[in-house]
Amino acid sequence: MPQTVLFDLDGTLTDPAPGIIGSFRQALVDLGHEPPPFADLGWIIGPALRLSFPKVMGPGSDPEAAVERYRVHYRAGGMYDLTLYTGMMEAVAAIGGAADRMFVCTAKPEPYAVPIVERFGYAPHFQRVYGAALDGSLDDKADIIAKIIAEQGIDPSGTVMIGDRMHDIHAAQRHGIASIGVAWGYGGVAELEAAGATAICQRPQDLPEMVAALAR
């Protein structure tokens, strides 16, 4: 088992679509935009919202205003409008029983990620939750991993990153960290393969053995 395991949150540990997409669409309405259909917005789950809003609002838009409106709705209850992937809690527990340390590594702002991890029962399995900063200074997940390396002294060669989007894979690659792309999230197998994931996992119940296999 790798010494350290990093887990993405949205699309990996939780399915947050109702809360994230709902808050995103309402923010667009607040600013006078016609929101795309719910079913067309799965792609916003994963990357920083500051990058996603302009793609919908168009040139010259103010992503900071959109992010602020999003946060109003998200804090009002959207952040807890999610479900856990079946079998994921058991997989996390199994991996945590063998790895030395585990951390959540998410592009979601840390003030939101921490209470979500606590409320839905994942907290006992992780040493700490690392997330983005509200001011956007850690929107690049590679920068979050750099912070973990600096503060926790983890060895990239003994670490694996688990996530559902290309951003997870690319961030891991920048630090020489192996990665497992999960097929049940929002990137899809084609995106994860194109990004160069070390391995692809199809089901949560297969994840512990796949993590252990990377060490072997």
Foldseek 3Di string as FASTA:
>chain_A
DFQEEEEEPDQTFWPLLVLQLVLLCVLCVVVPHHDDDSVPPQVCTAADQLVVVCVRVDPPDDSVSSVVSSVVSNVVPSLQRIGGAPLQLVLLVLQLVPHNAYEYQYQPAPVSVVVNCVVVPNVVSHPYYFYAHPVRPCSQSLVSVVVCCVPVVHDQVRYEYEEAALSRLLSSVVRNHAYEHEQRGRHHPVRCVVSPHPYYHDGSVCPNVVSVVVVD
